[in-house]
Amino acid sequence: MRQAHGPLPTAERLRKRGDYLRLRASGARLRSGPIRVQFTPNGTKTTRLGITVPKFEGLAPLRNRIKRILRESWRTVRADFPPGLDIVLIVDAAEPCTELAAVVALLERAAQKLNSKRP
């Protein structure tokens, strides 16, 4: 099945700075290669996603490409993640995150780790 392109729906995105700060302060963390995953329950059945690519990872075109690849990878694997979470993906190394297949594999591994952590 072909996934939709374009922006994620507003209800499925973390948009406010306070949401990112809440996750940083009290969210659980796990790592899948160069991607850190911070997550916390949000009290709804919708999983919301935020993406962070720090400036030291490269110039804006590279960071934007990484974000596009992460969003497309998310569309592929979001069903593997448990519902009702706020999730922030933080990239620690840009080079491994420029290939779609590699990022999909990293997110699948993160989903497996997350599912094994939850009761």
Protein backbone atom coordinates (compact mmCIF):
# COMPACT_ATOMS: atom_id res chain seq x y z
CA MET A 1 0.00 0.00 0.00
CA ARG A 2 1.38 3.40 -0.99
CA GLN A 3 1.69 5.90 1.81
CA ALA A 4 0.45 9.49 1.50
CA HIS A 5 3.00 12.22 0.93
CA GLY A 6 2.91 15.76 2.21
CA PRO A 7 2.67 17.09 5.73
CA LEU A 8 1.50 14.97 8.61
CA PRO A 9 -1.99 15.90 9.79
CA THR A 10 -1.98 18.57 12.49
CA ALA A 11 -3.41 16.15 15.05
CA GLU A 12 -0.41 13.85 14.54
CA ARG A 13 2.31 16.48 15.02
CA LEU A 14 3.97 18.00 18.05
CA ARG A 15 3.82 21.70 17.37
CA LYS A 16 4.32 23.55 20.63
CA ARG A 17 7.62 24.19 22.34
CA GLY A 18 6.06 23.14 25.64
CA ASP A 19 5.41 19.66 24.27
CA TYR A 20 9.08 19.26 23.33
CA LEU A 21 10.20 20.57 26.72
CA ARG A 22 7.82 18.20 28.54
CA LEU A 23 9.26 15.26 26.63
CA ARG A 24 12.81 16.37 27.35
CA ALA A 25 12.10 16.72 31.06
CA SER A 26 9.98 13.67 31.78
CA GLY A 27 9.94 11.41 28.74
CA ALA A 28 11.59 8.02 28.50
CA ARG A 29 14.40 7.57 26.01
CA LEU A 30 15.82 4.92 23.78
CA ARG A 31 18.37 4.86 21.00
CA SER A 32 18.32 3.23 17.60
CA GLY A 33 21.63 3.90 15.90
CA PRO A 34 22.02 7.64 15.28
CA ILE A 35 18.38 8.35 16.21
CA ARG A 36 17.32 9.07 19.77
CA VAL A 37 13.65 8.47 20.52
CA GLN A 38 12.01 10.33 23.40
CA PHE A 39 8.46 9.31 24.24
CA THR A 40 5.75 9.72 26.82
CA PRO A 41 2.04 8.84 26.97
CA ASN A 42 -0.22 11.68 25.86
CA GLY A 43 -3.59 10.48 27.20
CA THR A 44 -5.20 10.07 23.77
CA LYS A 45 -5.33 7.31 21.17
CA THR A 46 -3.35 9.41 18.69
CA THR A 47 0.41 9.14 18.41
CA ARG A 48 2.01 12.53 17.77
CA LEU A 49 5.44 12.98 16.21
CA GLY A 50 8.10 15.65 16.50
CA ILE A 51 11.43 15.73 14.67
CA THR A 52 14.60 17.51 15.73
CA VAL A 53 17.74 17.81 13.62
CA PRO A 54 20.33 20.03 15.35
CA LYS A 55 22.12 22.73 13.37
CA PHE A 56 25.50 21.11 13.88
CA GLU A 57 24.35 18.23 11.64
CA GLY A 58 24.68 20.38 8.52
CA LEU A 59 23.24 23.23 6.55
CA ALA A 60 19.50 23.74 6.13
CA PRO A 61 19.11 21.75 2.88
CA LEU A 62 20.65 18.66 4.48
CA ARG A 63 18.60 19.04 7.67
CA ASN A 64 15.41 19.48 5.63
CA ARG A 65 16.21 16.37 3.58
CA ILE A 66 16.74 14.37 6.77
CA LYS A 67 13.39 15.59 8.12
CA ARG A 68 11.63 14.61 4.87
CA ILE A 69 13.19 11.14 5.04
CA LEU A 70 12.20 10.77 8.71
CA ARG A 71 8.60 11.78 7.94
CA GLU A 72 8.36 9.33 5.06
CA SER A 73 9.90 6.58 7.20
CA TRP A 74 7.43 7.39 9.95
CA ARG A 75 4.52 6.94 7.53
CA THR A 76 5.86 3.48 6.75
CA VAL A 77 6.37 2.25 10.32
CA ARG A 78 3.90 4.24 12.46
CA ALA A 79 1.61 1.23 12.80
CA ASP A 80 4.46 -0.60 14.59
CA PHE A 81 4.51 2.01 17.38
CA PRO A 82 1.99 1.79 20.21
CA PRO A 83 -0.85 4.34 20.06
CA GLY A 84 -1.24 7.21 22.51
CA LEU A 85 2.34 8.43 22.66
CA ASP A 86 4.11 11.70 22.01
CA ILE A 87 7.36 10.83 20.23
CA VAL A 88 10.30 13.04 19.32
CA LEU A 89 12.98 11.74 16.95
CA ILE A 90 16.36 13.42 17.44
CA VAL A 91 19.13 12.84 14.90
CA ASP A 92 22.66 12.57 16.28
CA ALA A 93 24.48 11.81 13.02
CA ALA A 94 23.31 13.01 9.63
CA GLU A 95 25.14 10.59 7.32
CA PRO A 96 23.24 7.36 8.16
CA CYS A 97 19.92 9.23 8.01
CA THR A 98 20.06 10.19 4.33
CA GLU A 99 18.85 6.84 2.97
CA LEU A 100 15.17 5.93 3.32
CA ALA A 101 15.68 2.18 3.71
CA ALA A 102 18.25 2.67 6.46
CA VAL A 103 15.99 5.04 8.40
CA VAL A 104 13.00 2.69 8.05
CA ALA A 105 15.14 -0.12 9.52
CA LEU A 106 16.24 2.12 12.41
CA LEU A 107 12.65 3.10 13.20
CA GLU A 108 11.49 -0.52 13.01
CA ARG A 109 14.20 -1.42 15.52
CA ALA A 110 13.12 1.47 17.75
CA ALA A 111 9.50 0.26 17.60
CA GLN A 112 10.57 -3.23 18.62
CA LYS A 113 12.54 -1.84 21.57
CA LEU A 114 9.62 0.36 22.58
CA ASN A 115 7.13 -2.49 22.39
CA SER A 116 9.40 -4.70 24.50
CA LYS A 117 9.66 -1.95 27.17
CA ARG A 118 5.90 -1.49 27.51
CA PRO A 119 3.90 -4.01 29.58
